[in-house]
Amino acid sequence: MKYILAFFLLASIQVFSQEIDENLLKKHVYHLADDNMKGRGTGSKQNIKAAKYIAKEFKKLNLKPLGNNGFYQHFTAKVKKVVVKDSLRDAKNVIAFLDNHADKTIVIGAHYDHLGEGKQGSSLAENSVGIIHNGADDNASGVAGLLELARFYSQNNVTEPVNFLFIAFGAEELGLVGSRYFVANPTLDLKNIQWMLNMDMIGRFNPENGVSIIGYGTSTAFETIYQAIDLTKYIKNYTGYEGRGGSDQTSFYEKNIPVLFFHTGGHPDYHRPTDDADKVDYTSLKIILELEMAFIDGSFTHTDMLFRSTDKK
């Protein structure tokens, strides 16, 4: 009897421990947005370090590598230089697969690159060349969310009725280059993708505006799932029908794949050197991930999520 009680106690502890960990979210953001990472500009040594950090986290979770070189999918990105000529840079997506032996797969994505030292992308700061743009909200916050969802679904002792493909996209700031490369050269048949969830700038929740859930109209199932969620448990949110937007879900939407894009909106530090880790709202970030999980779990019963174009919405 004593051993049976101990077993159930251990099981309950394991289940309880499998929740989004705010401390781990903070750990990931502070690491990726540290000054030593020098803004994670595409093609930089620090961008490579960021990719290795993500791959190492995926490996810890015993996820299957699904790039064309282990966890990495290599491609070339054109960096428009502010001071000197444009250059072609080696870049990479970091891709991991949770194989639940299901027919359909949910893609969960976030881009990990940023503007470097103001020499690439679209810095909004005057005289920004040579100044580190840490990109804590944009998009270390999304990558932290990606890693936590990967940890949760791979370690929760549950076999979900779908597979998960976790992708950290490179070169998003240069024009969605990494996600466009992936959908043109998929390492998993796009026909097997049920839908795609994207996180970009989910760390600066503003209670007056709420978190936006873009792409709500891209599947006939999302409205049904949303109506079934007990929204009183979560923070203020609003939905947008359109599937396009300035982030990587657009690449999947253009391939007729339903998408949801979570985003907490602009702020005075957007694309400026002041987007730092101490300004991220980690408690709200955790709640946003829990809301995303409600959508993910709600989609399990919708085996056939029909794509609905929102071009005319």
C-alpha atoms as a PDB file:
ATOM      1  CA  MET A   1       0.000   0.000   0.000  1.00  0.00           C
ATOM      2  CA  LYS A   2       2.869   2.311   0.888  1.00  0.00           C
ATOM      3  CA  TYR A   3       4.468   1.756  -2.550  1.00  0.00           C
ATOM      4  CA  ILE A   4       1.181   2.357  -4.353  1.00  0.00           C
ATOM      5  CA  LEU A   5       0.720   5.644  -2.474  1.00  0.00           C
ATOM      6  CA  ALA A   6       4.296   6.659  -3.313  1.00  0.00           C
ATOM      7  CA  PHE A   7       3.698   5.873  -6.987  1.00  0.00           C
ATOM      8  CA  PHE A   8       0.595   8.051  -7.199  1.00  0.00           C
ATOM      9  CA  LEU A   9       2.330  10.830  -5.284  1.00  0.00           C
ATOM     10  CA  LEU A  10       5.239  10.737  -7.736  1.00  0.00           C
ATOM     11  CA  ALA A  11       2.862  10.683 -10.691  1.00  0.00           C
ATOM     12  CA  SER A  12       0.967  13.689  -9.353  1.00  0.00           C
ATOM     13  CA  ILE A  13       4.224  15.593  -8.847  1.00  0.00           C
ATOM     14  CA  GLN A  14       5.272  14.839 -12.432  1.00  0.00           C
ATOM     15  CA  VAL A  15       1.951  16.014 -13.841  1.00  0.00           C
ATOM     16  CA  PHE A  16       2.004  19.149 -11.691  1.00  0.00           C
ATOM     17  CA  SER A  17       5.556  19.947 -12.764  1.00  0.00           C
ATOM     18  CA  GLN A  18       4.583  19.869 -16.423  1.00  0.00           C
ATOM     19  CA  GLU A  19       3.439  23.421 -16.835  1.00  0.00           C
ATOM     20  CA  ILE A  20       4.920  26.511 -18.426  1.00  0.00           C
ATOM     21  CA  ASP A  21       7.898  27.582 -16.329  1.00  0.00           C
ATOM     22  CA  GLU A  22       8.255  31.342 -15.990  1.00  0.00           C
ATOM     23  CA  ASN A  23      11.846  30.988 -14.772  1.00  0.00           C
ATOM     24  CA  LEU A  24      12.827  29.071 -17.897  1.00  0.00           C
ATOM     25  CA  LEU A  25      11.172  31.710 -20.083  1.00  0.00           C
ATOM     26  CA  LYS A  26      13.280  34.341 -18.354  1.00  0.00           C
ATOM     27  CA  LYS A  27      16.429  32.210 -18.694  1.00  0.00           C
ATOM     28  CA  HIS A  28      15.977  31.863 -22.462  1.00  0.00           C
ATOM     29  CA  VAL A  29      15.194  35.539 -23.057  1.00  0.00           C
ATOM     30  CA  TYR A  30      18.102  36.794 -20.948  1.00  0.00           C
ATOM     31  CA  HIS A  31      20.480  34.434 -22.742  1.00  0.00           C
ATOM     32  CA  LEU A  32      19.384  35.300 -26.275  1.00  0.00           C
ATOM     33  CA  ALA A  33      19.075  39.031 -25.606  1.00  0.00           C
ATOM     34  CA  ASP A  34      22.338  39.426 -23.729  1.00  0.00           C
ATOM     35  CA  ASP A  35      24.800  42.040 -25.005  1.00  0.00           C
ATOM     36  CA  ASN A  36      27.230  39.206 -25.734  1.00  0.00           C
ATOM     37  CA  MET A  37      24.836  37.989 -28.451  1.00  0.00           C
ATOM     38  CA  LYS A  38      25.215  41.366 -30.208  1.00  0.00           C
ATOM     39  CA  GLY A  39      21.691  41.385 -31.601  1.00  0.00           C
ATOM     40  CA  ARG A  40      21.826  37.980 -33.343  1.00  0.00           C
ATOM     41  CA  GLY A  41      22.233  39.491 -36.812  1.00  0.00           C
ATOM     42  CA  THR A  42      21.936  37.031 -39.700  1.00  0.00           C
ATOM     43  CA  GLY A  43      25.286  35.522 -40.639  1.00  0.00           C
ATOM     44  CA  SER A  44      27.044  36.688 -37.473  1.00  0.00           C
ATOM     45  CA  LYS A  45      28.936  34.465 -35.047  1.00  0.00           C
ATOM     46  CA  GLN A  46      26.375  35.358 -32.415  1.00  0.00           C
ATOM     47  CA  ASN A  47      23.488  34.297 -34.656  1.00  0.00           C
ATOM     48  CA  ILE A  48      25.207  30.928 -35.027  1.00  0.00           C
ATOM     49  CA  LYS A  49      25.565  30.751 -31.234  1.00  0.00           C
ATOM     50  CA  ALA A  50      21.836  31.404 -30.887  1.00  0.00           C
ATOM     51  CA  ALA A  51      21.057  28.598 -33.333  1.00  0.00           C
ATOM     52  CA  LYS A  52      23.346  26.237 -31.403  1.00  0.00           C
ATOM     53  CA  TYR A  53      21.652  27.193 -28.136  1.00  0.00           C
ATOM     54  CA  ILE A  54      18.242  26.322 -29.575  1.00  0.00           C
ATOM     55  CA  ALA A  55      19.501  23.056 -31.069  1.00  0.00           C
ATOM     56  CA  LYS A  56      21.049  22.119 -27.723  1.00  0.00           C
ATOM     57  CA  GLU A  57      17.707  22.705 -25.986  1.00  0.00           C
ATOM     58  CA  PHE A  58      15.918  20.559 -28.592  1.00  0.00           C
ATOM     59  CA  LYS A  59      18.481  17.811 -28.078  1.00  0.00           C
ATOM     60  CA  LYS A  60      17.948  17.872 -24.309  1.00  0.00           C
ATOM     61  CA  LEU A  61      14.286  17.102 -24.964  1.00  0.00           C
ATOM     62  CA  ASN A  62      15.172  14.083 -27.133  1.00  0.00           C
ATOM     63  CA  LEU A  63      13.422  15.605 -30.120  1.00  0.00           C
ATOM     64  CA  LYS A  64      14.186  14.254 -33.573  1.00  0.00           C
ATOM     65  CA  PRO A  65      16.382  16.483 -35.786  1.00  0.00           C
ATOM     66  CA  LEU A  66      14.516  17.352 -38.978  1.00  0.00           C
ATOM     67  CA  GLY A  67      16.776  19.730 -40.835  1.00  0.00           C
ATOM     68  CA  ASN A  68      18.991  18.768 -43.758  1.00  0.00           C
ATOM     69  CA  ASN A  69      22.007  18.718 -41.437  1.00  0.00           C
ATOM     70  CA  GLY A  70      20.875  17.471 -38.061  1.00  0.00           C
ATOM     71  CA  PHE A  71      18.666  20.146 -36.499  1.00  0.00           C
ATOM     72  CA  TYR A  72      19.802  22.713 -39.088  1.00  0.00           C
ATOM     73  CA  GLN A  73      18.302  23.593 -42.450  1.00  0.00           C
ATOM     74  CA  HIS A  74      20.851  25.756 -44.263  1.00  0.00           C
ATOM     75  CA  PHE A  75      20.029  28.524 -46.723  1.00  0.00           C
ATOM     76  CA  THR A  76      21.485  31.779 -48.016  1.00  0.00           C
ATOM     77  CA  ALA A  77      20.158  35.202 -47.078  1.00  0.00           C
ATOM     78  CA  LYS A  78      20.969  38.569 -48.600  1.00  0.00           C
ATOM     79  CA  VAL A  79      21.936  41.157 -46.026  1.00  0.00           C
ATOM     80  CA  LYS A  80      21.496  44.755 -47.125  1.00  0.00           C
ATOM     81  CA  LYS A  81      24.353  46.693 -45.638  1.00  0.00           C
ATOM     82  CA  VAL A  82      24.033  50.232 -44.339  1.00  0.00           C
ATOM     83  CA  VAL A  83      27.717  51.104 -44.677  1.00  0.00           C
ATOM     84  CA  VAL A  84      29.208  48.749 -47.259  1.00  0.00           C
ATOM     85  CA  LYS A  85      27.905  46.608 -50.115  1.00  0.00           C
ATOM     86  CA  ASP A  86      25.174  44.016 -49.738  1.00  0.00           C
ATOM     87  CA  SER A  87      26.413  40.543 -48.931  1.00  0.00           C
ATOM     88  CA  LEU A  88      25.173  36.968 -49.005  1.00  0.00           C
ATOM     89  CA  ARG A  89      25.242  35.226 -45.662  1.00  0.00           C
ATOM     90  CA  ASP A  90      24.881  31.639 -44.561  1.00  0.00           C
ATOM     91  CA  ALA A  91      21.771  31.247 -42.436  1.00  0.00           C
ATOM     92  CA  LYS A  92      19.787  28.403 -40.975  1.00  0.00           C
ATOM     93  CA  ASN A  93      16.462  27.279 -39.564  1.00  0.00           C
ATOM     94  CA  VAL A  94      16.582  25.070 -36.471  1.00  0.00           C
ATOM     95  CA  ILE A  95      14.022  22.256 -36.773  1.00  0.00           C
ATOM     96  CA  ALA A  96      12.947  19.527 -34.336  1.00  0.00           C
ATOM     97  CA  PHE A  97      10.199  16.917 -34.593  1.00  0.00           C
ATOM     98  CA  LEU A  98       8.084  15.307 -31.875  1.00  0.00           C
ATOM     99  CA  ASP A  99       6.870  12.111 -33.515  1.00  0.00           C
ATOM    100  CA  ASN A 100       3.637  10.849 -31.983  1.00  0.00           C
ATOM    101  CA  HIS A 101       3.066   8.552 -34.988  1.00  0.00           C
ATOM    102  CA  ALA A 102       0.044  10.604 -35.996  1.00  0.00           C
ATOM    103  CA  ASP A 103      -1.214  11.485 -39.472  1.00  0.00           C
ATOM    104  CA  LYS A 104      -1.153  15.244 -38.928  1.00  0.00           C
ATOM    105  CA  THR A 105       1.427  17.674 -37.569  1.00  0.00           C
ATOM    106  CA  ILE A 106       1.152  21.090 -35.937  1.00  0.00           C
ATOM    107  CA  VAL A 107       3.992  23.495 -36.706  1.00  0.00           C
ATOM    108  CA  ILE A 108       5.039  25.786 -33.855  1.00  0.00           C
ATOM    109  CA  GLY A 109       7.428  28.527 -34.906  1.00  0.00           C
ATOM    110  CA  ALA A 110       9.281  31.688 -33.910  1.00  0.00           C
ATOM    111  CA  HIS A 111      12.193  33.550 -35.490  1.00  0.00           C
ATOM    112  CA  TYR A 112      15.446  33.880 -33.550  1.00  0.00           C
ATOM    113  CA  ASP A 113      17.350  36.489 -35.598  1.00  0.00           C
ATOM    114  CA  HIS A 114      17.311  40.227 -34.949  1.00  0.00           C
ATOM    115  CA  LEU A 115      19.015  43.384 -36.237  1.00  0.00           C
ATOM    116  CA  GLY A 116      22.539  42.844 -34.991  1.00  0.00           C
ATOM    117  CA  GLU A 117      24.290  46.154 -34.346  1.00  0.00           C
ATOM    118  CA  GLY A 118      21.921  48.196 -36.454  1.00  0.00           C
ATOM    119  CA  LYS A 119      23.601  47.204 -39.714  1.00  0.00           C
ATOM    120  CA  GLN A 120      20.827  45.011 -41.125  1.00  0.00           C
ATOM    121  CA  GLY A 121      17.058  44.911 -41.060  1.00  0.00           C
ATOM    122  CA  SER A 122      15.127  48.066 -40.250  1.00  0.00           C
ATOM    123  CA  SER A 123      16.388  49.813 -37.137  1.00  0.00           C
ATOM    124  CA  LEU A 124      14.178  52.739 -36.141  1.00  0.00           C
ATOM    125  CA  ALA A 125      16.844  54.384 -34.017  1.00  0.00           C
ATOM    126  CA  GLU A 126      18.791  57.362 -35.296  1.00  0.00           C
ATOM    127  CA  ASN A 127      22.542  56.837 -35.688  1.00  0.00           C
ATOM    128  CA  SER A 128      22.040  53.182 -34.770  1.00  0.00           C
ATOM    129  CA  VAL A 129      25.007  51.690 -36.623  1.00  0.00           C
ATOM    130  CA  GLY A 130      27.346  50.014 -34.144  1.00  0.00           C
ATOM    131  CA  ILE A 131      24.761  49.897 -31.341  1.00  0.00           C
ATOM    132  CA  ILE A 132      23.582  46.456 -30.177  1.00  0.00           C
ATOM    133  CA  HIS A 133      19.892  45.761 -30.751  1.00  0.00           C
ATOM    134  CA  ASN A 134      19.181  42.991 -28.237  1.00  0.00           C
ATOM    135  CA  GLY A 135      15.711  42.093 -29.512  1.00  0.00           C
ATOM    136  CA  ALA A 136      14.352  40.749 -26.228  1.00  0.00           C
ATOM    137  CA  ASP A 137      10.728  41.069 -27.284  1.00  0.00           C
ATOM    138  CA  ASP A 138      11.603  40.749 -30.973  1.00  0.00           C
ATOM    139  CA  ASN A 139      11.960  37.872 -30.845  1.00  0.00           C
ATOM    140  CA  ALA A 140      13.719  36.242 -27.914  1.00  0.00           C
ATOM    141  CA  SER A 141      10.275  36.194 -26.287  1.00  0.00           C
ATOM    142  CA  GLY A 142       8.864  34.049 -29.096  1.00  0.00           C
ATOM    143  CA  VAL A 143      11.833  31.679 -29.035  1.00  0.00           C
ATOM    144  CA  ALA A 144      11.457  31.271 -25.275  1.00  0.00           C
ATOM    145  CA  GLY A 145       7.824  30.385 -25.913  1.00  0.00           C
ATOM    146  CA  LEU A 146       8.837  27.933 -28.620  1.00  0.00           C
ATOM    147  CA  LEU A 147      11.287  26.171 -26.311  1.00  0.00           C
ATOM    148  CA  GLU A 148       8.798  25.995 -23.460  1.00  0.00           C
ATOM    149  CA  LEU A 149       6.054  24.526 -25.655  1.00  0.00           C
ATOM    150  CA  ALA A 150       8.595  22.010 -26.966  1.00  0.00           C
ATOM    151  CA  ARG A 151       9.512  21.109 -23.402  1.00  0.00           C
ATOM    152  CA  PHE A 152       5.902  20.792 -22.306  1.00  0.00           C
ATOM    153  CA  TYR A 153       4.635  18.605 -25.142  1.00  0.00           C
ATOM    154  CA  SER A 154       7.716  16.377 -25.173  1.00  0.00           C
ATOM    155  CA  GLN A 155       7.872  15.879 -21.398  1.00  0.00           C
ATOM    156  CA  ASN A 156       4.222  15.688 -20.304  1.00  0.00           C
ATOM    157  CA  ASN A 157       3.975  11.873 -20.493  1.00  0.00           C
ATOM    158  CA  VAL A 158       1.054  12.217 -22.909  1.00  0.00           C
ATOM    159  CA  THR A 159       0.960  11.068 -26.515  1.00  0.00           C
ATOM    160  CA  GLU A 160      -1.095  13.704 -28.315  1.00  0.00           C
ATOM    161  CA  PRO A 161      -3.062  12.701 -31.455  1.00  0.00           C
ATOM    162  CA  VAL A 162      -0.825  14.950 -33.572  1.00  0.00           C
ATOM    163  CA  ASN A 163       2.891  15.340 -34.158  1.00  0.00           C
ATOM    164  CA  PHE A 164       4.709  18.617 -33.492  1.00  0.00           C
ATOM    165  CA  LEU A 165       7.268  20.335 -35.694  1.00  0.00           C
ATOM    166  CA  PHE A 166       9.167  23.030 -33.798  1.00  0.00           C
ATOM    167  CA  ILE A 167      10.956  25.559 -36.021  1.00  0.00           C
ATOM    168  CA  ALA A 168      13.169  28.472 -35.023  1.00  0.00           C
ATOM    169  CA  PHE A 169      13.342  30.510 -38.223  1.00  0.00           C
ATOM    170  CA  GLY A 170      16.386  32.410 -39.390  1.00  0.00           C
ATOM    171  CA  ALA A 171      16.510  35.695 -41.332  1.00  0.00           C
ATOM    172  CA  GLU A 172      12.933  36.761 -40.628  1.00  0.00           C
ATOM    173  CA  GLU A 173      14.019  40.382 -40.301  1.00  0.00           C
ATOM    174  CA  LEU A 174      15.359  40.256 -43.865  1.00  0.00           C
ATOM    175  CA  GLY A 175      11.957  39.403 -45.334  1.00  0.00           C
ATOM    176  CA  LEU A 176      10.711  36.090 -43.873  1.00  0.00           C
ATOM    177  CA  VAL A 177      13.621  34.401 -45.650  1.00  0.00           C
ATOM    178  CA  GLY A 178      13.868  31.349 -43.409  1.00  0.00           C
ATOM    179  CA  SER A 179      10.176  30.470 -43.394  1.00  0.00           C
ATOM    180  CA  ARG A 180       9.862  31.067 -47.136  1.00  0.00           C
ATOM    181  CA  TYR A 181      12.811  28.740 -47.654  1.00  0.00           C
ATOM    182  CA  PHE A 182      11.218  26.082 -45.468  1.00  0.00           C
ATOM    183  CA  VAL A 183       7.862  26.012 -47.268  1.00  0.00           C
ATOM    184  CA  ALA A 184       9.712  25.862 -50.604  1.00  0.00           C
ATOM    185  CA  ASN A 185      12.004  23.095 -49.322  1.00  0.00           C
ATOM    186  CA  PRO A 186      10.006  21.370 -46.571  1.00  0.00           C
ATOM    187  CA  THR A 187      11.633  18.675 -44.467  1.00  0.00           C
ATOM    188  CA  LEU A 188       8.126  17.412 -43.723  1.00  0.00           C
ATOM    189  CA  ASP A 189       5.450  17.097 -46.413  1.00  0.00           C
ATOM    190  CA  LEU A 190       3.298  20.238 -46.242  1.00  0.00           C
ATOM    191  CA  LYS A 191       0.234  18.065 -46.898  1.00  0.00           C
ATOM    192  CA  ASN A 192       0.702  16.575 -43.433  1.00  0.00           C
ATOM    193  CA  ILE A 193       0.642  19.956 -41.669  1.00  0.00           C
ATOM    194  CA  GLN A 194      -2.679  20.547 -39.945  1.00  0.00           C
ATOM    195  CA  TRP A 195      -1.971  24.174 -38.995  1.00  0.00           C
ATOM    196  CA  MET A 196       0.816  26.511 -37.949  1.00  0.00           C
ATOM    197  CA  LEU A 197       1.199  28.617 -34.781  1.00  0.00           C
ATOM    198  CA  ASN A 198       3.640  31.535 -34.869  1.00  0.00           C
ATOM    199  CA  MET A 199       4.976  33.661 -32.021  1.00  0.00           C
ATOM    200  CA  ASP A 200       6.615  36.995 -32.710  1.00  0.00           C
ATOM    201  CA  MET A 201       6.862  39.703 -30.040  1.00  0.00           C
ATOM    202  CA  ILE A 202       4.761  38.183 -27.261  1.00  0.00           C
ATOM    203  CA  GLY A 203       6.703  39.705 -24.365  1.00  0.00           C
ATOM    204  CA  ARG A 204       5.302  43.217 -23.930  1.00  0.00           C
ATOM    205  CA  PHE A 205       1.666  42.705 -23.023  1.00  0.00           C
ATOM    206  CA  ASN A 206      -0.329  45.936 -22.796  1.00  0.00           C
ATOM    207  CA  PRO A 207      -3.555  45.451 -20.784  1.00  0.00           C
ATOM    208  CA  GLU A 208      -5.253  48.273 -22.697  1.00  0.00           C
ATOM    209  CA  ASN A 209      -4.750  46.545 -26.046  1.00  0.00           C
ATOM    210  CA  GLY A 210      -4.568  42.847 -25.227  1.00  0.00           C
ATOM    211  CA  VAL A 211      -2.791  40.105 -27.149  1.00  0.00           C
ATOM    212  CA  SER A 212      -3.754  39.782 -30.806  1.00  0.00           C
ATOM    213  CA  ILE A 213      -4.600  36.397 -32.307  1.00  0.00           C
ATOM    214  CA  ILE A 214      -4.133  36.903 -36.027  1.00  0.00           C
ATOM    215  CA  GLY A 215      -5.317  34.312 -38.548  1.00  0.00           C
ATOM    216  CA  TYR A 216      -8.511  33.505 -36.678  1.00  0.00           C
ATOM    217  CA  GLY A 217     -10.347  33.334 -39.995  1.00  0.00           C
ATOM    218  CA  THR A 218      -7.912  31.006 -41.775  1.00  0.00           C
ATOM    219  CA  SER A 219      -9.666  27.832 -40.647  1.00  0.00           C
ATOM    220  CA  THR A 220     -13.295  26.984 -40.104  1.00  0.00           C
ATOM    221  CA  ALA A 221     -12.249  25.322 -36.835  1.00  0.00           C
ATOM    222  CA  PHE A 222     -10.627  28.255 -35.014  1.00  0.00           C
ATOM    223  CA  GLU A 223     -13.895  30.000 -34.155  1.00  0.00           C
ATOM    224  CA  THR A 224     -15.307  26.787 -32.690  1.00  0.00           C
ATOM    225  CA  ILE A 225     -12.153  26.208 -30.654  1.00  0.00           C
ATOM    226  CA  TYR A 226     -12.122  29.812 -29.426  1.00  0.00           C
ATOM    227  CA  GLN A 227     -15.746  29.683 -28.291  1.00  0.00           C
ATOM    228  CA  ALA A 228     -15.022  26.560 -26.243  1.00  0.00           C
ATOM    229  CA  ILE A 229     -12.126  28.147 -24.339  1.00  0.00           C
ATOM    230  CA  ASP A 230     -12.822  29.572 -20.888  1.00  0.00           C
ATOM    231  CA  LEU A 231     -11.379  32.990 -21.657  1.00  0.00           C
ATOM    232  CA  THR A 232     -11.832  34.201 -18.059  1.00  0.00           C
ATOM    233  CA  LYS A 233      -8.677  32.234 -17.240  1.00  0.00           C
ATOM    234  CA  TYR A 234      -6.558  34.301 -19.620  1.00  0.00           C
ATOM    235  CA  ILE A 235      -5.564  37.880 -20.339  1.00  0.00           C
ATOM    236  CA  LYS A 236      -7.391  40.261 -22.649  1.00  0.00           C
ATOM    237  CA  ASN A 237      -7.210  39.240 -26.300  1.00  0.00           C
ATOM    238  CA  TYR A 238      -8.727  40.025 -29.663  1.00  0.00           C
ATOM    239  CA  THR A 239      -8.875  38.178 -32.968  1.00  0.00           C
ATOM    240  CA  GLY A 240      -7.991  39.178 -36.513  1.00  0.00           C
ATOM    241  CA  TYR A 241      -9.159  37.205 -39.527  1.00  0.00           C
ATOM    242  CA  GLU A 242      -6.309  37.891 -41.933  1.00  0.00           C
ATOM    243  CA  GLY A 243      -3.561  35.269 -42.175  1.00  0.00           C
ATOM    244  CA  ARG A 244      -0.904  37.530 -43.639  1.00  0.00           C
ATOM    245  CA  GLY A 245       1.213  39.891 -41.588  1.00  0.00           C
ATOM    246  CA  GLY A 246       4.792  40.870 -40.935  1.00  0.00           C
ATOM    247  CA  SER A 247       5.966  37.510 -39.660  1.00  0.00           C
ATOM    248  CA  ASP A 248       6.597  33.891 -40.581  1.00  0.00           C
ATOM    249  CA  GLN A 249       3.028  32.571 -40.489  1.00  0.00           C
ATOM    250  CA  THR A 250       2.550  34.421 -43.792  1.00  0.00           C
ATOM    251  CA  SER A 251       4.752  31.882 -45.584  1.00  0.00           C
ATOM    252  CA  PHE A 252       2.485  29.040 -44.442  1.00  0.00           C
ATOM    253  CA  TYR A 253      -0.711  30.956 -45.132  1.00  0.00           C
ATOM    254  CA  GLU A 254       0.396  31.438 -48.725  1.00  0.00           C
ATOM    255  CA  LYS A 255       0.604  27.643 -48.981  1.00  0.00           C
ATOM    256  CA  ASN A 256      -3.052  27.333 -47.897  1.00  0.00           C
ATOM    257  CA  ILE A 257      -2.189  26.190 -44.377  1.00  0.00           C
ATOM    258  CA  PRO A 258      -4.318  27.574 -41.500  1.00  0.00           C
ATOM    259  CA  VAL A 259      -2.318  29.832 -39.191  1.00  0.00           C
ATOM    260  CA  LEU A 260      -2.528  31.625 -35.874  1.00  0.00           C
ATOM    261  CA  PHE A 261      -0.109  34.438 -35.060  1.00  0.00           C
ATOM    262  CA  PHE A 262       0.195  35.637 -31.449  1.00  0.00           C
ATOM    263  CA  HIS A 263       1.530  39.167 -30.983  1.00  0.00           C
ATOM    264  CA  THR A 264       1.416  41.735 -28.176  1.00  0.00           C
ATOM    265  CA  GLY A 265       1.848  44.729 -30.468  1.00  0.00           C
ATOM    266  CA  GLY A 266       4.269  47.552 -30.989  1.00  0.00           C
ATOM    267  CA  HIS A 267       5.965  49.677 -28.323  1.00  0.00           C
ATOM    268  CA  PRO A 268       8.539  52.498 -28.144  1.00  0.00           C
ATOM    269  CA  ASP A 269      11.443  50.010 -28.001  1.00  0.00           C
ATOM    270  CA  TYR A 270      10.483  48.189 -31.206  1.00  0.00           C
ATOM    271  CA  HIS A 271      13.535  47.837 -33.508  1.00  0.00           C
ATOM    272  CA  ARG A 272      15.586  50.014 -31.207  1.00  0.00           C
ATOM    273  CA  PRO A 273      18.595  49.246 -28.971  1.00  0.00           C
ATOM    274  CA  THR A 274      16.359  49.562 -25.894  1.00  0.00           C
ATOM    275  CA  ASP A 275      14.436  46.294 -26.472  1.00  0.00           C
ATOM    276  CA  ASP A 276      15.987  44.599 -23.431  1.00  0.00           C
ATOM    277  CA  ALA A 277      15.224  41.512 -21.354  1.00  0.00           C
ATOM    278  CA  ASP A 278      14.299  43.385 -18.167  1.00  0.00           C
ATOM    279  CA  LYS A 279      11.329  44.984 -19.962  1.00  0.00           C
ATOM    280  CA  VAL A 280       9.645  41.678 -20.847  1.00  0.00           C
ATOM    281  CA  ASP A 281       6.491  40.813 -18.889  1.00  0.00           C
ATOM    282  CA  TYR A 282       7.237  37.172 -18.069  1.00  0.00           C
ATOM    283  CA  THR A 283       4.024  36.520 -16.154  1.00  0.00           C
ATOM    284  CA  SER A 284       1.886  37.606 -19.100  1.00  0.00           C
ATOM    285  CA  LEU A 285       4.168  35.691 -21.466  1.00  0.00           C
ATOM    286  CA  LYS A 286       3.406  32.514 -19.527  1.00  0.00           C
ATOM    287  CA  ILE A 287      -0.338  33.167 -19.688  1.00  0.00           C
ATOM    288  CA  ILE A 288      -0.165  33.797 -23.443  1.00  0.00           C
ATOM    289  CA  LEU A 289       1.501  30.412 -23.879  1.00  0.00           C
ATOM    290  CA  GLU A 290      -1.251  28.802 -21.822  1.00  0.00           C
ATOM    291  CA  LEU A 291      -3.806  30.413 -24.125  1.00  0.00           C
ATOM    292  CA  GLU A 292      -1.927  29.042 -27.114  1.00  0.00           C
ATOM    293  CA  MET A 293      -2.018  25.605 -25.517  1.00  0.00           C
ATOM    294  CA  ALA A 294      -5.784  25.896 -25.188  1.00  0.00           C
ATOM    295  CA  PHE A 295      -5.953  26.403 -28.961  1.00  0.00           C
ATOM    296  CA  ILE A 296      -3.520  23.558 -29.578  1.00  0.00           C
ATOM    297  CA  ASP A 297      -5.360  21.124 -27.335  1.00  0.00           C
ATOM    298  CA  GLY A 298      -8.708  22.259 -28.738  1.00  0.00           C
ATOM    299  CA  SER A 299      -7.535  21.485 -32.257  1.00  0.00           C
ATOM    300  CA  PHE A 300      -6.966  17.804 -31.456  1.00  0.00           C
ATOM    301  CA  THR A 301     -10.633  17.001 -32.095  1.00  0.00           C
ATOM    302  CA  HIS A 302     -10.580  18.786 -35.470  1.00  0.00           C
ATOM    303  CA  THR A 303      -8.829  16.190 -37.584  1.00  0.00           C
ATOM    304  CA  ASP A 304      -9.762  18.009 -40.795  1.00  0.00           C
ATOM    305  CA  MET A 305      -9.066  21.722 -40.344  1.00  0.00           C
ATOM    306  CA  LEU A 306     -10.289  23.277 -43.551  1.00  0.00           C
ATOM    307  CA  PHE A 307      -8.338  26.236 -44.868  1.00  0.00           C
ATOM    308  CA  ARG A 308     -10.388  29.368 -45.505  1.00  0.00           C
ATOM    309  CA  SER A 309      -8.773  32.172 -47.429  1.00  0.00           C
ATOM    310  CA  THR A 310      -9.207  35.530 -45.722  1.00  0.00           C
ATOM    311  CA  ASP A 311      -7.990  37.687 -48.596  1.00  0.00           C
ATOM    312  CA  LYS A 312     -11.343  39.464 -48.901  1.00  0.00           C
ATOM    313  CA  LYS A 313     -12.007  39.865 -45.195  1.00  0.00           C
END
